[in-house]
Amino acid sequence: MTVLERSRPIMRRLFAVSLRGEKSSGALTEADAVVRLIESPRRLTTTHIEQRLVSVLKEAGPVTVASLIKRVAAELYADELRRGGGFLDNGLIGDRLFNRDIVRELDEGNGMLWEITQERESI
């Protein structure tokens, strides 16, 4: 069994939960998790994904984790297609290709660039 075959169920569960907003044990996949920018961030953005996350949060304000992942993934996917990514696997996989990286960046920037809270808000 290859590494990819072993990780497939984990990735499938992570993507499905983060996009459908189902309950899970992780803070990033809760349906009621809300992301909002910190007024005085502890550090500057260091990656392209962090820059895109901050840009979307500045424009949209506090949003749910699932909505943020969908929007940033769609924007990153559109960027890749403009650069010719449609000729690679990007055209087959779609914007789901970026979900894992976005979730990782959200987790790493939590408390430094943005705050993820477990509260139900009408957004």
PDB file of N, CA and C in Angstrom:
ATOM      1  N   MET A   1       0.853  -1.175   0.000  1.00  0.00           N
ATOM      2  CA  MET A   1       0.000   0.000   0.000  1.00  0.00           C
ATOM      3  C   MET A   1       0.902   1.242   0.000  1.00  0.00           C
ATOM      4  N   THR A   2       0.654   2.142  -0.914  1.00  0.00           N
ATOM      5  CA  THR A   2       1.463   3.348  -1.007  1.00  0.00           C
ATOM      6  C   THR A   2       1.024   4.377   0.023  1.00  0.00           C
ATOM      7  N   VAL A   3       1.853   5.387   0.213  1.00  0.00           N
ATOM      8  CA  VAL A   3       1.534   6.463   1.158  1.00  0.00           C
ATOM      9  C   VAL A   3       0.254   7.171   0.740  1.00  0.00           C
ATOM     10  N   LEU A   4       0.084   7.397  -0.551  1.00  0.00           N
ATOM     11  CA  LEU A   4      -1.117   8.070  -1.045  1.00  0.00           C
ATOM     12  C   LEU A   4      -2.365   7.248  -0.751  1.00  0.00           C
ATOM     13  N   GLU A   5      -2.280   5.933  -0.950  1.00  0.00           N
ATOM     14  CA  GLU A   5      -3.431   5.076  -0.679  1.00  0.00           C
ATOM     15  C   GLU A   5      -3.798   5.085   0.797  1.00  0.00           C
ATOM     16  N   ARG A   6      -2.785   5.145   1.691  1.00  0.00           N
ATOM     17  CA  ARG A   6      -3.065   5.178   3.125  1.00  0.00           C
ATOM     18  C   ARG A   6      -3.655   6.510   3.553  1.00  0.00           C
ATOM     19  N   SER A   7      -3.260   7.595   2.907  1.00  0.00           N
ATOM     20  CA  SER A   7      -3.739   8.918   3.318  1.00  0.00           C
ATOM     21  C   SER A   7      -5.066   9.294   2.664  1.00  0.00           C
ATOM     22  N   ARG A   8      -5.489   8.579   1.645  1.00  0.00           N
ATOM     23  CA  ARG A   8      -6.719   8.907   0.931  1.00  0.00           C
ATOM     24  C   ARG A   8      -7.952   9.017   1.839  1.00  0.00           C
ATOM     25  N   PRO A   9      -8.211   8.056   2.742  1.00  0.00           N
ATOM     26  CA  PRO A   9      -9.395   8.197   3.603  1.00  0.00           C
ATOM     27  C   PRO A   9      -9.313   9.419   4.514  1.00  0.00           C
ATOM     28  N   ILE A  10      -8.146   9.727   5.012  1.00  0.00           N
ATOM     29  CA  ILE A  10      -7.972  10.893   5.887  1.00  0.00           C
ATOM     30  C   ILE A  10      -8.232  12.169   5.111  1.00  0.00           C
ATOM     31  N   MET A  11      -7.645  12.294   3.921  1.00  0.00           N
ATOM     32  CA  MET A  11      -7.843  13.500   3.120  1.00  0.00           C
ATOM     33  C   MET A  11      -9.301  13.632   2.708  1.00  0.00           C
ATOM     34  N   ARG A  12      -9.924  12.528   2.308  1.00  0.00           N
ATOM     35  CA  ARG A  12     -11.319  12.571   1.901  1.00  0.00           C
ATOM     36  C   ARG A  12     -12.204  13.053   3.050  1.00  0.00           C
ATOM     37  N   ARG A  13     -11.956  12.561   4.255  1.00  0.00           N
ATOM     38  CA  ARG A  13     -12.726  12.960   5.425  1.00  0.00           C
ATOM     39  C   ARG A  13     -12.505  14.435   5.729  1.00  0.00           C
ATOM     40  N   LEU A  14     -11.255  14.898   5.669  1.00  0.00           N
ATOM     41  CA  LEU A  14     -10.941  16.297   5.954  1.00  0.00           C
ATOM     42  C   LEU A  14     -11.626  17.214   4.956  1.00  0.00           C
ATOM     43  N   PHE A  15     -11.524  16.908   3.666  1.00  0.00           N
ATOM     44  CA  PHE A  15     -12.131  17.761   2.652  1.00  0.00           C
ATOM     45  C   PHE A  15     -13.646  17.757   2.766  1.00  0.00           C
ATOM     46  N   ALA A  16     -14.240  16.586   2.938  1.00  0.00           N
ATOM     47  CA  ALA A  16     -15.692  16.501   3.007  1.00  0.00           C
ATOM     48  C   ALA A  16     -16.219  17.263   4.209  1.00  0.00           C
ATOM     49  N   VAL A  17     -15.579  17.120   5.350  1.00  0.00           N
ATOM     50  CA  VAL A  17     -16.035  17.797   6.561  1.00  0.00           C
ATOM     51  C   VAL A  17     -15.838  19.294   6.435  1.00  0.00           C
ATOM     52  N   SER A  18     -14.700  19.726   5.923  1.00  0.00           N
ATOM     53  CA  SER A  18     -14.439  21.164   5.853  1.00  0.00           C
ATOM     54  C   SER A  18     -15.345  21.858   4.848  1.00  0.00           C
ATOM     55  N   LEU A  19     -15.756  21.165   3.812  1.00  0.00           N
ATOM     56  CA  LEU A  19     -16.594  21.795   2.806  1.00  0.00           C
ATOM     57  C   LEU A  19     -18.084  21.694   3.106  1.00  0.00           C
ATOM     58  N   ARG A  20     -18.486  20.620   3.762  1.00  0.00           N
ATOM     59  CA  ARG A  20     -19.908  20.477   4.076  1.00  0.00           C
ATOM     60  C   ARG A  20     -20.251  21.073   5.427  1.00  0.00           C
ATOM     61  N   GLY A  21     -19.232  21.386   6.240  1.00  0.00           N
ATOM     62  CA  GLY A  21     -19.488  21.988   7.536  1.00  0.00           C
ATOM     63  C   GLY A  21     -20.011  21.013   8.562  1.00  0.00           C
ATOM     64  N   GLU A  22     -19.654  19.734   8.452  1.00  0.00           N
ATOM     65  CA  GLU A  22     -20.104  18.751   9.419  1.00  0.00           C
ATOM     66  C   GLU A  22     -19.305  18.871  10.703  1.00  0.00           C
ATOM     67  N   LYS A  23     -19.834  18.308  11.765  1.00  0.00           N
ATOM     68  CA  LYS A  23     -19.149  18.314  13.054  1.00  0.00           C
ATOM     69  C   LYS A  23     -17.984  17.348  13.015  1.00  0.00           C
ATOM     70  N   SER A  24     -16.895  17.753  13.652  1.00  0.00           N
ATOM     71  CA  SER A  24     -15.711  16.933  13.755  1.00  0.00           C
ATOM     72  C   SER A  24     -14.996  17.329  15.036  1.00  0.00           C
ATOM     73  N   SER A  25     -13.964  16.589  15.389  1.00  0.00           N
ATOM     74  CA  SER A  25     -13.250  16.904  16.616  1.00  0.00           C
ATOM     75  C   SER A  25     -12.298  18.085  16.441  1.00  0.00           C
ATOM     76  N   GLY A  26     -11.921  18.420  15.214  1.00  0.00           N
ATOM     77  CA  GLY A  26     -10.988  19.511  14.986  1.00  0.00           C
ATOM     78  C   GLY A  26     -11.668  20.858  14.942  1.00  0.00           C
ATOM     79  N   ALA A  27     -10.987  21.888  15.443  1.00  0.00           N
ATOM     80  CA  ALA A  27     -11.576  23.225  15.502  1.00  0.00           C
ATOM     81  C   ALA A  27     -11.820  23.794  14.106  1.00  0.00           C
ATOM     82  N   LEU A  28     -11.005  23.420  13.149  1.00  0.00           N
ATOM     83  CA  LEU A  28     -11.114  23.997  11.822  1.00  0.00           C
ATOM     84  C   LEU A  28     -12.279  23.448  11.016  1.00  0.00           C
ATOM     85  N   THR A  29     -12.864  22.362  11.442  1.00  0.00           N
ATOM     86  CA  THR A  29     -13.924  21.768  10.643  1.00  0.00           C
ATOM     87  C   THR A  29     -15.297  21.900  11.283  1.00  0.00           C
ATOM     88  N   GLU A  30     -15.404  22.599  12.370  1.00  0.00           N
ATOM     89  CA  GLU A  30     -16.705  22.782  13.012  1.00  0.00           C
ATOM     90  C   GLU A  30     -17.575  23.688  12.155  1.00  0.00           C
ATOM     91  N   ALA A  31     -18.857  23.360  12.090  1.00  0.00           N
ATOM     92  CA  ALA A  31     -19.786  24.140  11.272  1.00  0.00           C
ATOM     93  C   ALA A  31     -19.936  25.552  11.795  1.00  0.00           C
ATOM     94  N   ASP A  32     -19.769  25.724  13.094  1.00  0.00           N
ATOM     95  CA  ASP A  32     -19.965  27.046  13.672  1.00  0.00           C
ATOM     96  C   ASP A  32     -18.661  27.781  13.933  1.00  0.00           C
ATOM     97  N   ALA A  33     -17.547  27.316  13.406  1.00  0.00           N
ATOM     98  CA  ALA A  33     -16.268  28.001  13.571  1.00  0.00           C
ATOM     99  C   ALA A  33     -16.241  29.237  12.674  1.00  0.00           C
ATOM    100  N   VAL A  34     -15.914  30.367  13.266  1.00  0.00           N
ATOM    101  CA  VAL A  34     -15.878  31.638  12.548  1.00  0.00           C
ATOM    102  C   VAL A  34     -14.453  32.163  12.563  1.00  0.00           C
ATOM    103  N   VAL A  35     -13.980  32.647  11.410  1.00  0.00           N
ATOM    104  CA  VAL A  35     -12.637  33.202  11.291  1.00  0.00           C
ATOM    105  C   VAL A  35     -12.749  34.706  11.160  1.00  0.00           C
ATOM    106  N   ARG A  36     -11.959  35.427  11.965  1.00  0.00           N
ATOM    107  CA  ARG A  36     -11.921  36.890  11.845  1.00  0.00           C
ATOM    108  C   ARG A  36     -10.474  37.345  12.008  1.00  0.00           C
ATOM    109  N   LEU A  37     -10.145  38.428  11.316  1.00  0.00           N
ATOM    110  CA  LEU A  37      -8.793  38.972  11.394  1.00  0.00           C
ATOM    111  C   LEU A  37      -8.521  39.546  12.775  1.00  0.00           C
ATOM    112  N   ILE A  38      -7.263  39.443  13.189  1.00  0.00           N
ATOM    113  CA  ILE A  38      -6.820  40.085  14.416  1.00  0.00           C
ATOM    114  C   ILE A  38      -6.416  41.506  14.041  1.00  0.00           C
ATOM    115  N   GLU A  39      -6.850  42.482  14.830  1.00  0.00           N
ATOM    116  CA  GLU A  39      -6.574  43.886  14.509  1.00  0.00           C
ATOM    117  C   GLU A  39      -5.084  44.194  14.468  1.00  0.00           C
ATOM    118  N   SER A  40      -4.333  43.653  15.403  1.00  0.00           N
ATOM    119  CA  SER A  40      -2.883  43.848  15.431  1.00  0.00           C
ATOM    120  C   SER A  40      -2.209  42.482  15.334  1.00  0.00           C
ATOM    121  N   PRO A  41      -1.986  41.995  14.110  1.00  0.00           N
ATOM    122  CA  PRO A  41      -1.404  40.658  13.963  1.00  0.00           C
ATOM    123  C   PRO A  41      -0.001  40.585  14.559  1.00  0.00           C
ATOM    124  N   ARG A  42       0.360  39.405  15.020  1.00  0.00           N
ATOM    125  CA  ARG A  42       1.671  39.189  15.644  1.00  0.00           C
ATOM    126  C   ARG A  42       2.796  39.076  14.623  1.00  0.00           C
ATOM    127  N   ARG A  43       2.439  38.811  13.383  1.00  0.00           N
ATOM    128  CA  ARG A  43       3.451  38.699  12.323  1.00  0.00           C
ATOM    129  C   ARG A  43       2.809  39.048  10.985  1.00  0.00           C
ATOM    130  N   LEU A  44       3.652  39.216   9.987  1.00  0.00           N
ATOM    131  CA  LEU A  44       3.177  39.480   8.632  1.00  0.00           C
ATOM    132  C   LEU A  44       2.902  38.158   7.925  1.00  0.00           C
ATOM    133  N   THR A  45       2.137  38.227   6.853  1.00  0.00           N
ATOM    134  CA  THR A  45       1.878  37.021   6.064  1.00  0.00           C
ATOM    135  C   THR A  45       3.173  36.572   5.411  1.00  0.00           C
ATOM    136  N   THR A  46       3.354  35.259   5.323  1.00  0.00           N
ATOM    137  CA  THR A  46       4.598  34.738   4.754  1.00  0.00           C
ATOM    138  C   THR A  46       4.376  33.925   3.485  1.00  0.00           C
ATOM    139  N   THR A  47       3.157  33.467   3.248  1.00  0.00           N
ATOM    140  CA  THR A  47       2.908  32.642   2.066  1.00  0.00           C
ATOM    141  C   THR A  47       1.806  33.263   1.208  1.00  0.00           C
ATOM    142  N   HIS A  48       1.732  32.791  -0.009  1.00  0.00           N
ATOM    143  CA  HIS A  48       0.705  33.261  -0.944  1.00  0.00           C
ATOM    144  C   HIS A  48      -0.692  32.934  -0.412  1.00  0.00           C
ATOM    145  N   ILE A  49      -0.835  31.769   0.202  1.00  0.00           N
ATOM    146  CA  ILE A  49      -2.140  31.373   0.732  1.00  0.00           C
ATOM    147  C   ILE A  49      -2.524  32.266   1.905  1.00  0.00           C
ATOM    148  N   GLU A  50      -1.588  32.564   2.795  1.00  0.00           N
ATOM    149  CA  GLU A  50      -1.884  33.477   3.899  1.00  0.00           C
ATOM    150  C   GLU A  50      -2.290  34.847   3.387  1.00  0.00           C
ATOM    151  N   GLN A  51      -1.607  35.333   2.368  1.00  0.00           N
ATOM    152  CA  GLN A  51      -1.957  36.631   1.792  1.00  0.00           C
ATOM    153  C   GLN A  51      -3.376  36.597   1.232  1.00  0.00           C
ATOM    154  N   ARG A  52      -3.740  35.504   0.575  1.00  0.00           N
ATOM    155  CA  ARG A  52      -5.080  35.383   0.006  1.00  0.00           C
ATOM    156  C   ARG A  52      -6.124  35.285   1.112  1.00  0.00           C
ATOM    157  N   LEU A  53      -5.826  34.539   2.174  1.00  0.00           N
ATOM    158  CA  LEU A  53      -6.754  34.432   3.301  1.00  0.00           C
ATOM    159  C   LEU A  53      -7.003  35.798   3.941  1.00  0.00           C
ATOM    160  N   VAL A  54      -5.939  36.557   4.167  1.00  0.00           N
ATOM    161  CA  VAL A  54      -6.072  37.889   4.768  1.00  0.00           C
ATOM    162  C   VAL A  54      -6.872  38.805   3.848  1.00  0.00           C
ATOM    163  N   SER A  55      -6.607  38.730   2.556  1.00  0.00           N
ATOM    164  CA  SER A  55      -7.329  39.554   1.593  1.00  0.00           C
ATOM    165  C   SER A  55      -8.833  39.261   1.623  1.00  0.00           C
ATOM    166  N   VAL A  56      -9.188  37.990   1.628  1.00  0.00           N
ATOM    167  CA  VAL A  56     -10.598  37.610   1.657  1.00  0.00           C
ATOM    168  C   VAL A  56     -11.241  38.045   2.974  1.00  0.00           C
ATOM    169  N   LEU A  57     -10.531  37.878   4.079  1.00  0.00           N
ATOM    170  CA  LEU A  57     -11.088  38.270   5.380  1.00  0.00           C
ATOM    171  C   LEU A  57     -11.255  39.786   5.492  1.00  0.00           C
ATOM    172  N   LYS A  58     -10.336  40.545   4.899  1.00  0.00           N
ATOM    173  CA  LYS A  58     -10.477  42.003   4.909  1.00  0.00           C
ATOM    174  C   LYS A  58     -11.705  42.420   4.105  1.00  0.00           C
ATOM    175  N   GLU A  59     -11.918  41.766   2.995  1.00  0.00           N
ATOM    176  CA  GLU A  59     -13.037  42.101   2.116  1.00  0.00           C
ATOM    177  C   GLU A  59     -14.383  41.639   2.675  1.00  0.00           C
ATOM    178  N   ALA A  60     -14.423  40.423   3.203  1.00  0.00           N
ATOM    179  CA  ALA A  60     -15.691  39.827   3.617  1.00  0.00           C
ATOM    180  C   ALA A  60     -16.000  39.964   5.096  1.00  0.00           C
ATOM    181  N   GLY A  61     -14.994  40.233   5.904  1.00  0.00           N
ATOM    182  CA  GLY A  61     -15.216  40.266   7.345  1.00  0.00           C
ATOM    183  C   GLY A  61     -15.220  38.848   7.899  1.00  0.00           C
ATOM    184  N   PRO A  62     -15.741  38.662   9.105  1.00  0.00           N
ATOM    185  CA  PRO A  62     -15.781  37.321   9.696  1.00  0.00           C
ATOM    186  C   PRO A  62     -16.617  36.366   8.848  1.00  0.00           C
ATOM    187  N   VAL A  63     -16.072  35.194   8.580  1.00  0.00           N
ATOM    188  CA  VAL A  63     -16.771  34.174   7.786  1.00  0.00           C
ATOM    189  C   VAL A  63     -16.554  32.806   8.423  1.00  0.00           C
ATOM    190  N   THR A  64     -17.396  31.864   8.029  1.00  0.00           N
ATOM    191  CA  THR A  64     -17.220  30.502   8.526  1.00  0.00           C
ATOM    192  C   THR A  64     -16.004  29.871   7.851  1.00  0.00           C
ATOM    193  N   VAL A  65     -15.456  28.866   8.508  1.00  0.00           N
ATOM    194  CA  VAL A  65     -14.276  28.188   7.979  1.00  0.00           C
ATOM    195  C   VAL A  65     -14.583  27.575   6.615  1.00  0.00           C
ATOM    196  N   ALA A  66     -15.710  26.905   6.501  1.00  0.00           N
ATOM    197  CA  ALA A  66     -16.061  26.247   5.235  1.00  0.00           C
ATOM    198  C   ALA A  66     -16.183  27.263   4.098  1.00  0.00           C
ATOM    199  N   SER A  67     -16.816  28.399   4.360  1.00  0.00           N
ATOM    200  CA  SER A  67     -16.960  29.430   3.325  1.00  0.00           C
ATOM    201  C   SER A  67     -15.611  29.992   2.914  1.00  0.00           C
ATOM    202  N   LEU A  68     -14.753  30.209   3.900  1.00  0.00           N
ATOM    203  CA  LEU A  68     -13.426  30.754   3.618  1.00  0.00           C
ATOM    204  C   LEU A  68     -12.603  29.781   2.787  1.00  0.00           C
ATOM    205  N   ILE A  69     -12.645  28.512   3.138  1.00  0.00           N
ATOM    206  CA  ILE A  69     -11.894  27.503   2.379  1.00  0.00           C
ATOM    207  C   ILE A  69     -12.389  27.449   0.944  1.00  0.00           C
ATOM    208  N   LYS A  70     -13.703  27.422   0.749  1.00  0.00           N
ATOM    209  CA  LYS A  70     -14.259  27.372  -0.611  1.00  0.00           C
ATOM    210  C   LYS A  70     -13.828  28.575  -1.439  1.00  0.00           C
ATOM    211  N   ARG A  71     -13.913  29.757  -0.852  1.00  0.00           N
ATOM    212  CA  ARG A  71     -13.612  30.977  -1.605  1.00  0.00           C
ATOM    213  C   ARG A  71     -12.130  31.077  -1.958  1.00  0.00           C
ATOM    214  N   VAL A  72     -11.276  30.815  -0.987  1.00  0.00           N
ATOM    215  CA  VAL A  72      -9.832  30.902  -1.251  1.00  0.00           C
ATOM    216  C   VAL A  72      -9.400  29.810  -2.233  1.00  0.00           C
ATOM    217  N   ALA A  73      -9.940  28.600  -2.094  1.00  0.00           N
ATOM    218  CA  ALA A  73      -9.606  27.521  -3.029  1.00  0.00           C
ATOM    219  C   ALA A  73     -10.014  27.885  -4.450  1.00  0.00           C
ATOM    220  N   ALA A  74     -11.192  28.474  -4.603  1.00  0.00           N
ATOM    221  CA  ALA A  74     -11.647  28.876  -5.938  1.00  0.00           C
ATOM    222  C   ALA A  74     -10.737  29.940  -6.533  1.00  0.00           C
ATOM    223  N   GLU A  75     -10.303  30.897  -5.718  1.00  0.00           N
ATOM    224  CA  GLU A  75      -9.409  31.955  -6.208  1.00  0.00           C
ATOM    225  C   GLU A  75      -8.038  31.403  -6.580  1.00  0.00           C
ATOM    226  N   LEU A  76      -7.490  30.510  -5.743  1.00  0.00           N
ATOM    227  CA  LEU A  76      -6.185  29.910  -6.056  1.00  0.00           C
ATOM    228  C   LEU A  76      -6.268  29.047  -7.313  1.00  0.00           C
ATOM    229  N   TYR A  77      -7.367  28.334  -7.457  1.00  0.00           N
ATOM    230  CA  TYR A  77      -7.563  27.504  -8.639  1.00  0.00           C
ATOM    231  C   TYR A  77      -7.650  28.361  -9.901  1.00  0.00           C
ATOM    232  N   ALA A  78      -8.372  29.461  -9.831  1.00  0.00           N
ATOM    233  CA  ALA A  78      -8.477  30.367 -10.982  1.00  0.00           C
ATOM    234  C   ALA A  78      -7.098  30.929 -11.346  1.00  0.00           C
ATOM    235  N   ASP A  79      -6.297  31.265 -10.328  1.00  0.00           N
ATOM    236  CA  ASP A  79      -4.936  31.738 -10.586  1.00  0.00           C
ATOM    237  C   ASP A  79      -4.113  30.694 -11.315  1.00  0.00           C
ATOM    238  N   GLU A  80      -4.213  29.450 -10.868  1.00  0.00           N
ATOM    239  CA  GLU A  80      -3.449  28.374 -11.495  1.00  0.00           C
ATOM    240  C   GLU A  80      -3.903  28.124 -12.936  1.00  0.00           C
ATOM    241  N   LEU A  81      -5.195  28.199 -13.172  1.00  0.00           N
ATOM    242  CA  LEU A  81      -5.687  28.014 -14.540  1.00  0.00           C
ATOM    243  C   LEU A  81      -5.183  29.123 -15.455  1.00  0.00           C
ATOM    244  N   ARG A  82      -5.125  30.355 -14.943  1.00  0.00           N
ATOM    245  CA  ARG A  82      -4.596  31.468 -15.752  1.00  0.00           C
ATOM    246  C   ARG A  82      -3.128  31.259 -16.096  1.00  0.00           C
ATOM    247  N   ARG A  83      -2.414  30.562 -15.232  1.00  0.00           N
ATOM    248  CA  ARG A  83      -0.991  30.294 -15.473  1.00  0.00           C
ATOM    249  C   ARG A  83      -0.762  29.018 -16.269  1.00  0.00           C
ATOM    250  N   GLY A  84      -1.840  28.378 -16.721  1.00  0.00           N
ATOM    251  CA  GLY A  84      -1.696  27.167 -17.534  1.00  0.00           C
ATOM    252  C   GLY A  84      -1.855  25.886 -16.757  1.00  0.00           C
ATOM    253  N   GLY A  85      -2.329  25.937 -15.554  1.00  0.00           N
ATOM    254  CA  GLY A  85      -2.492  24.744 -14.732  1.00  0.00           C
ATOM    255  C   GLY A  85      -3.556  23.787 -15.239  1.00  0.00           C
ATOM    256  N   GLY A  86      -4.400  24.213 -16.140  1.00  0.00           N
ATOM    257  CA  GLY A  86      -5.440  23.347 -16.681  1.00  0.00           C
ATOM    258  C   GLY A  86      -4.878  22.202 -17.493  1.00  0.00           C
ATOM    259  N   PHE A  87      -3.643  22.338 -17.929  1.00  0.00           N
ATOM    260  CA  PHE A  87      -3.021  21.276 -18.720  1.00  0.00           C
ATOM    261  C   PHE A  87      -2.479  20.168 -17.837  1.00  0.00           C
ATOM    262  N   LEU A  88      -2.381  20.435 -16.547  1.00  0.00           N
ATOM    263  CA  LEU A  88      -1.901  19.431 -15.604  1.00  0.00           C
ATOM    264  C   LEU A  88      -3.104  18.791 -14.919  1.00  0.00           C
ATOM    265  N   ASP A  89      -2.876  18.146 -13.809  1.00  0.00           N
ATOM    266  CA  ASP A  89      -3.962  17.510 -13.061  1.00  0.00           C
ATOM    267  C   ASP A  89      -4.918  18.525 -12.457  1.00  0.00           C
ATOM    268  N   ASN A  90      -4.522  19.791 -12.384  1.00  0.00           N
ATOM    269  CA  ASN A  90      -5.391  20.819 -11.794  1.00  0.00           C
ATOM    270  C   ASN A  90      -6.746  20.856 -12.482  1.00  0.00           C
ATOM    271  N   GLY A  91      -6.759  20.667 -13.790  1.00  0.00           N
ATOM    272  CA  GLY A  91      -8.010  20.709 -14.526  1.00  0.00           C
ATOM    273  C   GLY A  91      -8.936  19.560 -14.170  1.00  0.00           C
ATOM    274  N   LEU A  92      -8.371  18.434 -13.759  1.00  0.00           N
ATOM    275  CA  LEU A  92      -9.176  17.278 -13.379  1.00  0.00           C
ATOM    276  C   LEU A  92      -9.627  17.330 -11.928  1.00  0.00           C
ATOM    277  N   ILE A  93      -8.756  17.787 -11.074  1.00  0.00           N
ATOM    278  CA  ILE A  93      -9.035  17.780  -9.630  1.00  0.00           C
ATOM    279  C   ILE A  93      -9.905  18.971  -9.229  1.00  0.00           C
ATOM    280  N   GLY A  94      -9.679  20.102  -9.819  1.00  0.00           N
ATOM    281  CA  GLY A  94     -10.443  21.294  -9.477  1.00  0.00           C
ATOM    282  C   GLY A  94      -9.873  22.003  -8.265  1.00  0.00           C
ATOM    283  N   ASP A  95     -10.688  22.878  -7.690  1.00  0.00           N
ATOM    284  CA  ASP A  95     -10.182  23.690  -6.590  1.00  0.00           C
ATOM    285  C   ASP A  95      -9.957  22.894  -5.306  1.00  0.00           C
ATOM    286  N   ARG A  96     -10.436  21.656  -5.247  1.00  0.00           N
ATOM    287  CA  ARG A  96     -10.175  20.806  -4.073  1.00  0.00           C
ATOM    288  C   ARG A  96      -8.697  20.565  -3.856  1.00  0.00           C
ATOM    289  N   LEU A  97      -7.914  20.755  -4.897  1.00  0.00           N
ATOM    290  CA  LEU A  97      -6.472  20.563  -4.818  1.00  0.00           C
ATOM    291  C   LEU A  97      -5.847  21.402  -3.713  1.00  0.00           C
ATOM    292  N   PHE A  98      -6.422  22.544  -3.410  1.00  0.00           N
ATOM    293  CA  PHE A  98      -5.826  23.483  -2.460  1.00  0.00           C
ATOM    294  C   PHE A  98      -6.386  23.374  -1.045  1.00  0.00           C
ATOM    295  N   ASN A  99      -7.429  22.590  -0.837  1.00  0.00           N
ATOM    296  CA  ASN A  99      -8.092  22.543   0.466  1.00  0.00           C
ATOM    297  C   ASN A  99      -7.162  22.187   1.620  1.00  0.00           C
ATOM    298  N   ARG A 100      -6.359  21.155   1.452  1.00  0.00           N
ATOM    299  CA  ARG A 100      -5.469  20.713   2.529  1.00  0.00           C
ATOM    300  C   ARG A 100      -4.486  21.808   2.910  1.00  0.00           C
ATOM    301  N   ASP A 101      -3.921  22.481   1.915  1.00  0.00           N
ATOM    302  CA  ASP A 101      -2.969  23.548   2.196  1.00  0.00           C
ATOM    303  C   ASP A 101      -3.636  24.730   2.890  1.00  0.00           C
ATOM    304  N   ILE A 102      -4.857  25.035   2.492  1.00  0.00           N
ATOM    305  CA  ILE A 102      -5.580  26.148   3.114  1.00  0.00           C
ATOM    306  C   ILE A 102      -5.884  25.824   4.572  1.00  0.00           C
ATOM    307  N   VAL A 103      -6.326  24.606   4.848  1.00  0.00           N
ATOM    308  CA  VAL A 103      -6.611  24.196   6.227  1.00  0.00           C
ATOM    309  C   VAL A 103      -5.348  24.273   7.066  1.00  0.00           C
ATOM    310  N   ARG A 104      -4.227  23.819   6.526  1.00  0.00           N
ATOM    311  CA  ARG A 104      -2.948  23.875   7.248  1.00  0.00           C
ATOM    312  C   ARG A 104      -2.555  25.318   7.551  1.00  0.00           C
ATOM    313  N   GLU A 105      -2.695  26.202   6.566  1.00  0.00           N
ATOM    314  CA  GLU A 105      -2.351  27.611   6.766  1.00  0.00           C
ATOM    315  C   GLU A 105      -3.285  28.274   7.777  1.00  0.00           C
ATOM    316  N   LEU A 106      -4.569  27.923   7.730  1.00  0.00           N
ATOM    317  CA  LEU A 106      -5.520  28.461   8.711  1.00  0.00           C
ATOM    318  C   LEU A 106      -5.104  28.060  10.123  1.00  0.00           C
ATOM    319  N   ASP A 107      -4.719  26.820  10.282  1.00  0.00           N
ATOM    320  CA  ASP A 107      -4.313  26.330  11.595  1.00  0.00           C
ATOM    321  C   ASP A 107      -3.034  27.024  12.069  1.00  0.00           C
ATOM    322  N   GLU A 108      -2.066  27.193  11.173  1.00  0.00           N
ATOM    323  CA  GLU A 108      -0.792  27.815  11.547  1.00  0.00           C
ATOM    324  C   GLU A 108      -0.933  29.298  11.861  1.00  0.00           C
ATOM    325  N   GLY A 109      -1.843  29.991  11.192  1.00  0.00           N
ATOM    326  CA  GLY A 109      -2.010  31.421  11.412  1.00  0.00           C
ATOM    327  C   GLY A 109      -2.987  31.771  12.521  1.00  0.00           C
ATOM    328  N   ASN A 110      -3.645  30.746  13.087  1.00  0.00           N
ATOM    329  CA  ASN A 110      -4.623  30.983  14.137  1.00  0.00           C
ATOM    330  C   ASN A 110      -3.941  31.572  15.371  1.00  0.00           C
ATOM    331  N   GLY A 111      -4.434  32.718  15.808  1.00  0.00           N
ATOM    332  CA  GLY A 111      -3.868  33.397  16.967  1.00  0.00           C
ATOM    333  C   GLY A 111      -2.778  34.387  16.605  1.00  0.00           C
ATOM    334  N   MET A 112      -2.294  34.340  15.373  1.00  0.00           N
ATOM    335  CA  MET A 112      -1.255  35.270  14.930  1.00  0.00           C
ATOM    336  C   MET A 112      -1.778  36.266  13.905  1.00  0.00           C
ATOM    337  N   LEU A 113      -2.487  35.761  12.909  1.00  0.00           N
ATOM    338  CA  LEU A 113      -3.034  36.612  11.853  1.00  0.00           C
ATOM    339  C   LEU A 113      -4.543  36.735  11.957  1.00  0.00           C
ATOM    340  N   TRP A 114      -5.195  35.680  12.365  1.00  0.00           N
ATOM    341  CA  TRP A 114      -6.641  35.638  12.497  1.00  0.00           C
ATOM    342  C   TRP A 114      -6.985  34.807  13.727  1.00  0.00           C
ATOM    343  N   GLU A 115      -8.243  34.854  14.067  1.00  0.00           N
ATOM    344  CA  GLU A 115      -8.731  34.126  15.226  1.00  0.00           C
ATOM    345  C   GLU A 115      -9.885  33.239  14.787  1.00  0.00           C
ATOM    346  N   ILE A 116      -9.833  31.968  15.164  1.00  0.00           N
ATOM    347  CA  ILE A 116     -10.897  31.038  14.850  1.00  0.00           C
ATOM    348  C   ILE A 116     -11.639  30.757  16.155  1.00  0.00           C
ATOM    349  N   THR A 117     -12.904  31.098  16.183  1.00  0.00           N
ATOM    350  CA  THR A 117     -13.699  30.917  17.389  1.00  0.00           C
ATOM    351  C   THR A 117     -14.846  29.964  17.122  1.00  0.00           C
ATOM    352  N   GLN A 118     -15.244  29.243  18.140  1.00  0.00           N
ATOM    353  CA  GLN A 118     -16.336  28.280  18.042  1.00  0.00           C
ATOM    354  C   GLN A 118     -17.626  28.932  18.516  1.00  0.00           C
ATOM    355  N   GLU A 119     -18.199  29.748  17.701  1.00  0.00           N
ATOM    356  CA  GLU A 119     -19.441  30.405  18.075  1.00  0.00           C
ATOM    357  C   GLU A 119     -20.352  30.475  16.880  1.00  0.00           C
ATOM    358  N   ARG A 120     -21.624  30.414  17.136  1.00  0.00           N
ATOM    359  CA  ARG A 120     -22.607  30.500  16.067  1.00  0.00           C
ATOM    360  C   ARG A 120     -22.937  31.966  15.854  1.00  0.00           C
ATOM    361  N   GLU A 121     -22.732  32.455  14.645  1.00  0.00           N
ATOM    362  CA  GLU A 121     -23.060  33.826  14.301  1.00  0.00           C
ATOM    363  C   GLU A 121     -23.886  33.825  13.044  1.00  0.00           C
ATOM    364  N   SER A 122     -24.710  34.787  12.900  1.00  0.00           N
ATOM    365  CA  SER A 122     -25.448  34.941  11.645  1.00  0.00           C
ATOM    366  C   SER A 122     -24.619  35.836  10.742  1.00  0.00           C
ATOM    367  N   ILE A 123     -23.983  35.200   9.792  1.00  0.00           N
ATOM    368  CA  ILE A 123     -23.081  35.941   8.895  1.00  0.00           C
ATOM    369  C   ILE A 123     -23.752  36.109   7.558  1.00  0.00           C
TER     370      ILE A 123
END
